[in-house]
All heavy atoms as atom14 arrays in JSON, in Angstrom:
{
  "sequence": "SVWMHDVMFKLGLLAKTDISGHPGFKNIDPASRRAETDPNADYCL",
  "atom14_mask": [
    [1, 1, 1, 1, 1, 1, 0, 0, 0, 0, 0, 0, 0, 0],
    [1, 1, 1, 1, 1, 1, 1, 0, 0, 0, 0, 0, 0, 0],
    [1, 1, 1, 1, 1, 1, 1, 1, 1, 1, 1, 1, 1, 1],
    [1, 1, 1, 1, 1, 1, 1, 1, 0, 0, 0, 0, 0, 0],
    [1, 1, 1, 1, 1, 1, 1, 1, 1, 1, 0, 0, 0, 0],
    [1, 1, 1, 1, 1, 1, 1, 1, 0, 0, 0, 0, 0, 0],
    [1, 1, 1, 1, 1, 1, 1, 0, 0, 0, 0, 0, 0, 0],
    [1, 1, 1, 1, 1, 1, 1, 1, 0, 0, 0, 0, 0, 0],
    [1, 1, 1, 1, 1, 1, 1, 1, 1, 1, 1, 0, 0, 0],
    [1, 1, 1, 1, 1, 1, 1, 1, 1, 0, 0, 0, 0, 0],
    [1, 1, 1, 1, 1, 1, 1, 1, 0, 0, 0, 0, 0, 0],
    [1, 1, 1, 1, 0, 0, 0, 0, 0, 0, 0, 0, 0, 0],
    [1, 1, 1, 1, 1, 1, 1, 1, 0, 0, 0, 0, 0, 0],
    [1, 1, 1, 1, 1, 1, 1, 1, 0, 0, 0, 0, 0, 0],
    [1, 1, 1, 1, 1, 0, 0, 0, 0, 0, 0, 0, 0, 0],
    [1, 1, 1, 1, 1, 1, 1, 1, 1, 0, 0, 0, 0, 0],
    [1, 1, 1, 1, 1, 1, 1, 0, 0, 0, 0, 0, 0, 0],
    [1, 1, 1, 1, 1, 1, 1, 1, 0, 0, 0, 0, 0, 0],
    [1, 1, 1, 1, 1, 1, 1, 1, 0, 0, 0, 0, 0, 0],
    [1, 1, 1, 1, 1, 1, 0, 0, 0, 0, 0, 0, 0, 0],
    [1, 1, 1, 1, 0, 0, 0, 0, 0, 0, 0, 0, 0, 0],
    [1, 1, 1, 1, 1, 1, 1, 1, 1, 1, 0, 0, 0, 0],
    [1, 1, 1, 1, 1, 1, 1, 0, 0, 0, 0, 0, 0, 0],
    [1, 1, 1, 1, 0, 0, 0, 0, 0, 0, 0, 0, 0, 0],
    [1, 1, 1, 1, 1, 1, 1, 1, 1, 1, 1, 0, 0, 0],
    [1, 1, 1, 1, 1, 1, 1, 1, 1, 0, 0, 0, 0, 0],
    [1, 1, 1, 1, 1, 1, 1, 1, 0, 0, 0, 0, 0, 0],
    [1, 1, 1, 1, 1, 1, 1, 1, 0, 0, 0, 0, 0, 0],
    [1, 1, 1, 1, 1, 1, 1, 1, 0, 0, 0, 0, 0, 0],
    [1, 1, 1, 1, 1, 1, 1, 0, 0, 0, 0, 0, 0, 0],
    [1, 1, 1, 1, 1, 0, 0, 0, 0, 0, 0, 0, 0, 0],
    [1, 1, 1, 1, 1, 1, 0, 0, 0, 0, 0, 0, 0, 0],
    [1, 1, 1, 1, 1, 1, 1, 1, 1, 1, 1, 0, 0, 0],
    [1, 1, 1, 1, 1, 1, 1, 1, 1, 1, 1, 0, 0, 0],
    [1, 1, 1, 1, 1, 0, 0, 0, 0, 0, 0, 0, 0, 0],
    [1, 1, 1, 1, 1, 1, 1, 1, 1, 0, 0, 0, 0, 0],
    [1, 1, 1, 1, 1, 1, 1, 0, 0, 0, 0, 0, 0, 0],
    [1, 1, 1, 1, 1, 1, 1, 1, 0, 0, 0, 0, 0, 0],
    [1, 1, 1, 1, 1, 1, 1, 0, 0, 0, 0, 0, 0, 0],
    [1, 1, 1, 1, 1, 1, 1, 1, 0, 0, 0, 0, 0, 0],
    [1, 1, 1, 1, 1, 0, 0, 0, 0, 0, 0, 0, 0, 0],
    [1, 1, 1, 1, 1, 1, 1, 1, 0, 0, 0, 0, 0, 0],
    [1, 1, 1, 1, 1, 1, 1, 1, 1, 1, 1, 1, 0, 0],
    [1, 1, 1, 1, 1, 1, 0, 0, 0, 0, 0, 0, 0, 0],
    [1, 1, 1, 1, 1, 1, 1, 1, 0, 0, 0, 0, 0, 0]
  ],
  "atom14_positions": [
    [[-4.4, 1.53, -5.82], [-3.86, 2.25, -6.97], [-2.9, 3.32, -6.66], [-2.94, 3.84, -5.51], [-4.96, 2.61, -7.81], [-5.76, 1.63, -8.27], [0.0, 0.0, 0.0], [0.0, 0.0, 0.0], [0.0, 0.0, 0.0], [0.0, 0.0, 0.0], [0.0, 0.0, 0.0], [0.0, 0.0, 0.0], [0.0, 0.0, 0.0], [0.0, 0.0, 0.0]],
    [[-2.08, 3.74, -7.58], [-0.98, 4.72, -7.1], [-1.76, 5.98, -6.55], [-1.2, 6.57, -5.46], [-0.24, 5.16, -8.52], [0.55, 6.44, -8.23], [0.69, 4.07, -8.79], [0.0, 0.0, 0.0], [0.0, 0.0, 0.0], [0.0, 0.0, 0.0], [0.0, 0.0, 0.0], [0.0, 0.0, 0.0], [0.0, 0.0, 0.0], [0.0, 0.0, 0.0]],
    [[-2.78, 6.47, -7.09], [-3.43, 7.76, -6.59], [-3.91, 7.5, -5.1], [-3.77, 8.3, -4.19], [-4.5, 8.24, -7.46], [-5.69, 7.41, -7.6], [-5.86, 6.44, -8.48], [-6.83, 7.29, -6.69], [-7.08, 5.77, -8.25], [-7.68, 6.42, -7.08], [-7.21, 8.02, -5.54], [-8.87, 5.93, -6.53], [-8.46, 7.7, -4.92], [-9.24, 6.65, -5.42]],
    [[-4.51, 6.16, -4.91], [-4.92, 5.82, -3.59], [-3.74, 5.66, -2.58], [-3.93, 5.83, -1.35], [-5.72, 4.7, -3.57], [-6.4, 4.22, -2.22], [-7.28, 5.49, -1.41], [-8.81, 5.5, -2.19], [0.0, 0.0, 0.0], [0.0, 0.0, 0.0], [0.0, 0.0, 0.0], [0.0, 0.0, 0.0], [0.0, 0.0, 0.0], [0.0, 0.0, 0.0]],
    [[-2.58, 5.13, -3.06], [-1.36, 5.04, -2.32], [-1.1, 6.38, -1.77], [-0.71, 6.61, -0.63], [-0.22, 4.48, -3.22], [1.15, 4.6, -2.7], [2.16, 3.79, -3.34], [1.66, 5.2, -1.65], [3.23, 4.08, -2.54], [2.96, 4.72, -1.6], [0.0, 0.0, 0.0], [0.0, 0.0, 0.0], [0.0, 0.0, 0.0], [0.0, 0.0, 0.0]],
    [[-1.18, 7.35, -2.61], [-0.92, 8.87, -2.2], [-1.83, 9.33, -1.08], [-1.55, 10.05, -0.12], [-0.98, 9.83, -3.36], [0.3, 9.63, -4.19], [1.36, 9.37, -3.74], [0.27, 9.87, -5.53], [0.0, 0.0, 0.0], [0.0, 0.0, 0.0], [0.0, 0.0, 0.0], [0.0, 0.0, 0.0], [0.0, 0.0, 0.0], [0.0, 0.0, 0.0]],
    [[-3.29, 8.88, -1.36], [-4.3, 9.44, -0.32], [-3.94, 8.7, 0.94], [-3.96, 9.36, 2.06], [-5.68, 8.87, -0.98], [-6.67, 9.08, 0.25], [-5.99, 9.76, -2.17], [0.0, 0.0, 0.0], [0.0, 0.0, 0.0], [0.0, 0.0, 0.0], [0.0, 0.0, 0.0], [0.0, 0.0, 0.0], [0.0, 0.0, 0.0], [0.0, 0.0, 0.0]],
    [[-3.72, 7.37, 0.88], [-3.44, 6.6, 2.16], [-2.29, 7.15, 2.95], [-2.26, 7.2, 4.2], [-3.44, 5.2, 1.93], [-4.72, 4.66, 1.41], [-4.69, 2.86, 1.12], [-4.96, 2.24, 2.86], [0.0, 0.0, 0.0], [0.0, 0.0, 0.0], [0.0, 0.0, 0.0], [0.0, 0.0, 0.0], [0.0, 0.0, 0.0], [0.0, 0.0, 0.0]],
    [[-1.22, 7.5, 2.11], [-0.06, 8.17, 2.72], [-0.46, 9.43, 3.57], [0.09, 9.65, 4.76], [0.98, 8.39, 1.77], [2.28, 9.01, 2.21], [3.47, 8.16, 2.64], [2.42, 10.4, 2.38], [4.47, 8.92, 3.24], [3.59, 10.96, 2.79], [4.61, 10.14, 3.21], [0.0, 0.0, 0.0], [0.0, 0.0, 0.0], [0.0, 0.0, 0.0]],
    [[-1.05, 10.35, 2.86], [-1.58, 11.59, 3.48], [-2.44, 11.28, 4.72], [-2.37, 12.21, 5.63], [-2.21, 12.34, 2.42], [-1.37, 12.83, 1.25], [-2.05, 13.59, 0.13], [-1.27, 13.87, -1.04], [-2.06, 14.5, -2.18], [0.0, 0.0, 0.0], [0.0, 0.0, 0.0], [0.0, 0.0, 0.0], [0.0, 0.0, 0.0], [0.0, 0.0, 0.0]],
    [[-3.18, 10.25, 4.72], [-4.01, 9.96, 5.95], [-3.22, 9.27, 7.07], [-3.69, 9.0, 8.02], [-5.11, 9.11, 5.49], [-6.08, 9.74, 4.6], [-7.21, 8.8, 4.06], [-6.94, 10.92, 5.31], [0.0, 0.0, 0.0], [0.0, 0.0, 0.0], [0.0, 0.0, 0.0], [0.0, 0.0, 0.0], [0.0, 0.0, 0.0], [0.0, 0.0, 0.0]],
    [[-1.99, 8.95, 6.8], [-1.17, 8.22, 7.73], [-1.47, 6.9, 8.05], [-1.23, 6.24, 9.1], [0.0, 0.0, 0.0], [0.0, 0.0, 0.0], [0.0, 0.0, 0.0], [0.0, 0.0, 0.0], [0.0, 0.0, 0.0], [0.0, 0.0, 0.0], [0.0, 0.0, 0.0], [0.0, 0.0, 0.0], [0.0, 0.0, 0.0], [0.0, 0.0, 0.0]],
    [[-1.97, 6.14, 7.01], [-2.35, 4.76, 7.07], [-1.29, 3.77, 6.78], [-1.58, 2.53, 6.9], [-3.52, 4.57, 6.34], [-4.89, 5.33, 6.67], [-5.93, 5.14, 5.53], [-5.28, 5.06, 8.0], [0.0, 0.0, 0.0], [0.0, 0.0, 0.0], [0.0, 0.0, 0.0], [0.0, 0.0, 0.0], [0.0, 0.0, 0.0], [0.0, 0.0, 0.0]],
    [[-0.22, 4.21, 6.21], [0.82, 3.2, 5.75], [2.02, 3.12, 6.59], [2.54, 4.03, 7.12], [1.18, 3.67, 4.31], [0.13, 3.77, 3.28], [0.65, 4.21, 1.93], [-0.67, 2.54, 3.06], [0.0, 0.0, 0.0], [0.0, 0.0, 0.0], [0.0, 0.0, 0.0], [0.0, 0.0, 0.0], [0.0, 0.0, 0.0], [0.0, 0.0, 0.0]],
    [[2.62, 1.86, 6.69], [3.78, 1.55, 7.49], [4.95, 1.81, 6.58], [5.0, 1.53, 5.49], [3.76, 0.25, 8.01], [0.0, 0.0, 0.0], [0.0, 0.0, 0.0], [0.0, 0.0, 0.0], [0.0, 0.0, 0.0], [0.0, 0.0, 0.0], [0.0, 0.0, 0.0], [0.0, 0.0, 0.0], [0.0, 0.0, 0.0], [0.0, 0.0, 0.0]],
    [[6.05, 2.36, 7.12], [7.34, 2.45, 6.49], [7.96, 1.19, 6.49], [8.24, 0.62, 7.53], [8.2, 3.48, 7.07], [9.45, 4.01, 6.34], [10.19, 5.1, 6.93], [11.43, 5.37, 5.88], [12.17, 6.53, 6.5], [0.0, 0.0, 0.0], [0.0, 0.0, 0.0], [0.0, 0.0, 0.0], [0.0, 0.0, 0.0], [0.0, 0.0, 0.0]],
    [[8.3, 0.61, 5.26], [8.97, -0.69, 5.18], [10.38, -0.67, 4.76], [11.13, -1.62, 4.93], [8.19, -1.56, 4.19], [8.32, -0.84, 2.84], [6.68, -1.6, 4.5], [0.0, 0.0, 0.0], [0.0, 0.0, 0.0], [0.0, 0.0, 0.0], [0.0, 0.0, 0.0], [0.0, 0.0, 0.0], [0.0, 0.0, 0.0], [0.0, 0.0, 0.0]],
    [[10.77, 0.52, 4.2], [12.2, 0.62, 3.67], [12.45, -0.49, 2.64], [13.5, -0.98, 2.55], [13.27, 0.65, 4.76], [13.14, 1.78, 5.74], [13.08, 2.96, 5.23], [13.13, 1.56, 7.03], [0.0, 0.0, 0.0], [0.0, 0.0, 0.0], [0.0, 0.0, 0.0], [0.0, 0.0, 0.0], [0.0, 0.0, 0.0], [0.0, 0.0, 0.0]],
    [[11.41, -0.75, 1.94], [11.5, -1.9, 1.03], [12.57, -1.66, -0.19], [13.23, -2.56, -0.63], [10.16, -2.35, 0.39], [10.23, -3.62, -0.25], [9.61, -1.3, -0.41], [10.49, -4.77, 0.61], [0.0, 0.0, 0.0], [0.0, 0.0, 0.0], [0.0, 0.0, 0.0], [0.0, 0.0, 0.0], [0.0, 0.0, 0.0], [0.0, 0.0, 0.0]],
    [[12.76, -0.46, -0.59], [13.67, -0.09, -1.58], [15.14, -0.41, -1.18], [16.02, -0.5, -2.02], [13.6, 1.22, -2.02], [13.75, 2.21, -0.94], [0.0, 0.0, 0.0], [0.0, 0.0, 0.0], [0.0, 0.0, 0.0], [0.0, 0.0, 0.0], [0.0, 0.0, 0.0], [0.0, 0.0, 0.0], [0.0, 0.0, 0.0], [0.0, 0.0, 0.0]],
    [[15.23, -0.62, 0.23], [16.69, -0.85, 0.58], [17.04, -2.48, 0.68], [18.11, -2.78, 0.88], [0.0, 0.0, 0.0], [0.0, 0.0, 0.0], [0.0, 0.0, 0.0], [0.0, 0.0, 0.0], [0.0, 0.0, 0.0], [0.0, 0.0, 0.0], [0.0, 0.0, 0.0], [0.0, 0.0, 0.0], [0.0, 0.0, 0.0], [0.0, 0.0, 0.0]],
    [[16.02, -3.32, 0.25], [16.04, -4.76, 0.33], [16.71, -5.14, -1.0], [16.6, -4.52, -2.02], [14.75, -5.37, 0.55], [14.21, -5.16, 1.79], [13.65, -6.27, 2.67], [14.11, -4.1, 2.61], [13.17, -5.89, 3.78], [13.37, -4.5, 3.84], [0.0, 0.0, 0.0], [0.0, 0.0, 0.0], [0.0, 0.0, 0.0], [0.0, 0.0, 0.0]],
    [[17.59, -6.18, -0.95], [18.31, -6.59, -2.19], [17.51, -6.88, -3.32], [17.84, -6.63, -4.43], [19.01, -7.89, -1.65], [19.31, -7.67, -0.2], [18.06, -7.01, 0.3], [0.0, 0.0, 0.0], [0.0, 0.0, 0.0], [0.0, 0.0, 0.0], [0.0, 0.0, 0.0], [0.0, 0.0, 0.0], [0.0, 0.0, 0.0], [0.0, 0.0, 0.0]],
    [[16.26, -7.42, -3.09], [15.45, -8.01, -4.27], [14.81, -6.71, -5.06], [14.43, -6.82, -6.11], [0.0, 0.0, 0.0], [0.0, 0.0, 0.0], [0.0, 0.0, 0.0], [0.0, 0.0, 0.0], [0.0, 0.0, 0.0], [0.0, 0.0, 0.0], [0.0, 0.0, 0.0], [0.0, 0.0, 0.0], [0.0, 0.0, 0.0], [0.0, 0.0, 0.0]],
    [[14.93, -5.45, -4.37], [14.33, -4.22, -5.08], [15.08, -3.92, -6.41], [14.57, -3.24, -7.15], [14.35, -3.11, -4.01], [13.46, -1.94, -4.59], [12.16, -2.1, -4.35], [13.89, -0.85, -5.2], [11.19, -1.1, -4.73], [13.19, 0.09, -5.6], [11.72, 0.01, -5.39], [0.0, 0.0, 0.0], [0.0, 0.0, 0.0], [0.0, 0.0, 0.0]],
    [[16.34, -4.44, -6.5], [17.1, -4.18, -7.68], [16.28, -4.72, -8.94], [16.57, -4.31, -10.05], [18.43, -4.76, -7.69], [18.4, -6.34, -7.59], [19.9, -6.87, -7.61], [19.88, -8.46, -7.59], [19.23, -9.07, -6.5], [0.0, 0.0, 0.0], [0.0, 0.0, 0.0], [0.0, 0.0, 0.0], [0.0, 0.0, 0.0], [0.0, 0.0, 0.0]],
    [[15.41, -5.63, -8.75], [14.55, -6.29, -9.79], [13.37, -5.23, -10.28], [12.84, -5.49, -11.31], [13.95, -7.54, -9.4], [15.07, -8.61, -9.03], [16.05, -8.6, -9.73], [14.68, -9.51, -8.06], [0.0, 0.0, 0.0], [0.0, 0.0, 0.0], [0.0, 0.0, 0.0], [0.0, 0.0, 0.0], [0.0, 0.0, 0.0], [0.0, 0.0, 0.0]],
    [[13.14, -4.27, -9.44], [11.98, -3.45, -9.77], [12.25, -2.31, -10.65], [13.21, -1.54, -10.44], [11.48, -2.99, -8.4], [11.07, -4.09, -7.44], [10.06, -2.12, -8.72], [10.06, -5.2, -8.0], [0.0, 0.0, 0.0], [0.0, 0.0, 0.0], [0.0, 0.0, 0.0], [0.0, 0.0, 0.0], [0.0, 0.0, 0.0], [0.0, 0.0, 0.0]],
    [[11.41, -2.24, -11.76], [11.58, -1.08, -12.7], [11.47, 0.26, -11.97], [10.53, 0.57, -11.42], [10.45, -1.22, -13.7], [10.64, -0.31, -14.9], [11.46, 0.61, -14.86], [9.78, -0.34, -15.79], [0.0, 0.0, 0.0], [0.0, 0.0, 0.0], [0.0, 0.0, 0.0], [0.0, 0.0, 0.0], [0.0, 0.0, 0.0], [0.0, 0.0, 0.0]],
    [[12.53, 1.11, -12.2], [12.57, 2.46, -11.49], [11.41, 3.25, -12.04], [10.92, 4.05, -11.16], [13.8, 2.95, -11.89], [14.84, 1.8, -12.28], [13.89, 0.84, -12.81], [0.0, 0.0, 0.0], [0.0, 0.0, 0.0], [0.0, 0.0, 0.0], [0.0, 0.0, 0.0], [0.0, 0.0, 0.0], [0.0, 0.0, 0.0], [0.0, 0.0, 0.0]],
    [[10.91, 3.14, -13.21], [9.77, 3.77, -13.79], [8.48, 3.52, -13.0], [7.45, 4.33, -13.15], [9.58, 3.47, -15.17], [0.0, 0.0, 0.0], [0.0, 0.0, 0.0], [0.0, 0.0, 0.0], [0.0, 0.0, 0.0], [0.0, 0.0, 0.0], [0.0, 0.0, 0.0], [0.0, 0.0, 0.0], [0.0, 0.0, 0.0], [0.0, 0.0, 0.0]],
    [[8.49, 2.5, -12.24], [7.25, 2.12, -11.47], [7.09, 2.82, -10.14], [5.99, 2.64, -9.56], [7.21, 0.63, -11.29], [8.09, 0.15, -10.38], [0.0, 0.0, 0.0], [0.0, 0.0, 0.0], [0.0, 0.0, 0.0], [0.0, 0.0, 0.0], [0.0, 0.0, 0.0], [0.0, 0.0, 0.0], [0.0, 0.0, 0.0], [0.0, 0.0, 0.0]],
    [[8.1, 3.67, -9.75], [7.9, 4.34, -8.67], [7.08, 5.59, -8.85], [7.67, 6.72, -9.03], [9.28, 4.69, -8.01], [9.97, 3.48, -7.31], [11.26, 3.9, -6.77], [12.31, 3.87, -7.72], [13.57, 4.23, -7.48], [13.98, 4.45, -6.33], [14.53, 4.06, -8.42], [0.0, 0.0, 0.0], [0.0, 0.0, 0.0], [0.0, 0.0, 0.0]],
    [[5.91, 5.51, -9.02], [4.94, 6.49, -9.49], [4.26, 7.24, -8.34], [3.64, 8.27, -8.78], [3.98, 5.88, -10.47], [4.54, 5.4, -11.78], [3.41, 4.9, -12.82], [4.0, 4.68, -14.07], [4.36, 3.55, -14.64], [4.17, 2.54, -13.88], [4.93, 3.48, -15.91], [0.0, 0.0, 0.0], [0.0, 0.0, 0.0], [0.0, 0.0, 0.0]],
    [[4.17, 6.8, -7.17], [3.54, 7.47, -6.09], [4.2, 8.73, -5.91], [5.41, 8.82, -5.56], [3.33, 6.58, -4.93], [0.0, 0.0, 0.0], [0.0, 0.0, 0.0], [0.0, 0.0, 0.0], [0.0, 0.0, 0.0], [0.0, 0.0, 0.0], [0.0, 0.0, 0.0], [0.0, 0.0, 0.0], [0.0, 0.0, 0.0], [0.0, 0.0, 0.0]],
    [[3.46, 9.93, -5.93], [4.07, 11.21, -5.61], [4.47, 11.32, -4.2], [5.62, 11.97, -3.91], [3.07, 12.29, -6.02], [2.82, 12.37, -7.47], [1.71, 13.36, -7.68], [1.08, 13.96, -6.85], [1.34, 13.68, -8.97], [0.0, 0.0, 0.0], [0.0, 0.0, 0.0], [0.0, 0.0, 0.0], [0.0, 0.0, 0.0], [0.0, 0.0, 0.0]],
    [[3.96, 10.64, -3.29], [4.18, 10.74, -1.84], [5.35, 9.76, -1.44], [5.87, 9.72, -0.31], [3.05, 10.45, -1.01], [2.46, 9.26, -1.29], [1.95, 11.56, -1.25], [0.0, 0.0, 0.0], [0.0, 0.0, 0.0], [0.0, 0.0, 0.0], [0.0, 0.0, 0.0], [0.0, 0.0, 0.0], [0.0, 0.0, 0.0], [0.0, 0.0, 0.0]],
    [[5.76, 8.78, -2.4], [6.66, 7.77, -2.03], [7.6, 7.58, -3.12], [7.8, 6.39, -3.68], [5.82, 6.53, -1.69], [6.62, 5.44, -1.05], [7.79, 5.67, -0.57], [6.07, 4.14, -1.04], [0.0, 0.0, 0.0], [0.0, 0.0, 0.0], [0.0, 0.0, 0.0], [0.0, 0.0, 0.0], [0.0, 0.0, 0.0], [0.0, 0.0, 0.0]],
    [[8.4, 8.46, -3.6], [9.2, 8.47, -4.8], [10.34, 7.54, -4.71], [10.75, 6.92, -5.66], [9.53, 9.82, -5.0], [9.52, 10.48, -3.71], [8.33, 9.96, -3.09], [0.0, 0.0, 0.0], [0.0, 0.0, 0.0], [0.0, 0.0, 0.0], [0.0, 0.0, 0.0], [0.0, 0.0, 0.0], [0.0, 0.0, 0.0], [0.0, 0.0, 0.0]],
    [[10.73, 7.28, -3.42], [11.9, 6.36, -3.22], [11.38, 5.02, -2.8], [12.28, 4.16, -2.32], [12.77, 6.96, -2.27], [13.39, 8.24, -2.66], [13.77, 8.43, -3.75], [13.47, 9.21, -1.75], [0.0, 0.0, 0.0], [0.0, 0.0, 0.0], [0.0, 0.0, 0.0], [0.0, 0.0, 0.0], [0.0, 0.0, 0.0], [0.0, 0.0, 0.0]],
    [[10.06, 4.63, -2.86], [9.61, 3.33, -2.35], [10.09, 2.97, -0.94], [10.46, 1.85, -0.76], [9.95, 2.34, -3.37], [0.0, 0.0, 0.0], [0.0, 0.0, 0.0], [0.0, 0.0, 0.0], [0.0, 0.0, 0.0], [0.0, 0.0, 0.0], [0.0, 0.0, 0.0], [0.0, 0.0, 0.0], [0.0, 0.0, 0.0], [0.0, 0.0, 0.0]],
    [[10.02, 4.0, -0.11], [10.27, 3.74, 1.25], [9.08, 3.03, 2.03], [9.21, 2.5, 3.09], [10.6, 5.07, 2.0], [11.76, 5.76, 1.52], [12.8, 5.06, 1.17], [11.78, 6.92, 1.4], [0.0, 0.0, 0.0], [0.0, 0.0, 0.0], [0.0, 0.0, 0.0], [0.0, 0.0, 0.0], [0.0, 0.0, 0.0], [0.0, 0.0, 0.0]],
    [[7.85, 3.09, 1.4], [6.61, 2.52, 2.1], [6.17, 1.34, 1.31], [6.02, 0.28, 1.84], [5.61, 3.63, 2.14], [5.89, 4.68, 3.21], [6.8, 5.71, 2.99], [5.16, 4.55, 4.48], [7.12, 6.55, 4.04], [5.55, 5.57, 5.53], [6.41, 6.48, 5.2], [6.72, 7.42, 6.15], [0.0, 0.0, 0.0], [0.0, 0.0, 0.0]],
    [[5.94, 1.49, -0.07], [5.21, 0.42, -0.71], [5.98, -0.1, -1.94], [6.86, 0.47, -2.44], [3.87, 1.07, -1.4], [2.71, 1.62, -0.05], [0.0, 0.0, 0.0], [0.0, 0.0, 0.0], [0.0, 0.0, 0.0], [0.0, 0.0, 0.0], [0.0, 0.0, 0.0], [0.0, 0.0, 0.0], [0.0, 0.0, 0.0], [0.0, 0.0, 0.0]],
    [[5.69, -1.31, -2.28], [6.28, -1.99, -3.49], [5.45, -1.99, -4.64], [4.29, -2.44, -4.59], [6.53, -3.5, -3.05], [7.09, -4.45, -4.13], [8.52, -4.04, -4.51], [6.94, -5.84, -3.82], [0.0, 0.0, 0.0], [0.0, 0.0, 0.0], [0.0, 0.0, 0.0], [0.0, 0.0, 0.0], [0.0, 0.0, 0.0], [0.0, 0.0, 0.0]]
  ]
}
């Protein structure tokens, strides 16, 4: 969940994927980037 996304980021458990730089990311609703630690979706989709 979004809040756990933030917890796991702070614990250093997540890999940086740069998924927001992939072409398909244009399909994703900008309003869904809700994680406070990952506002640009550099880590999670």
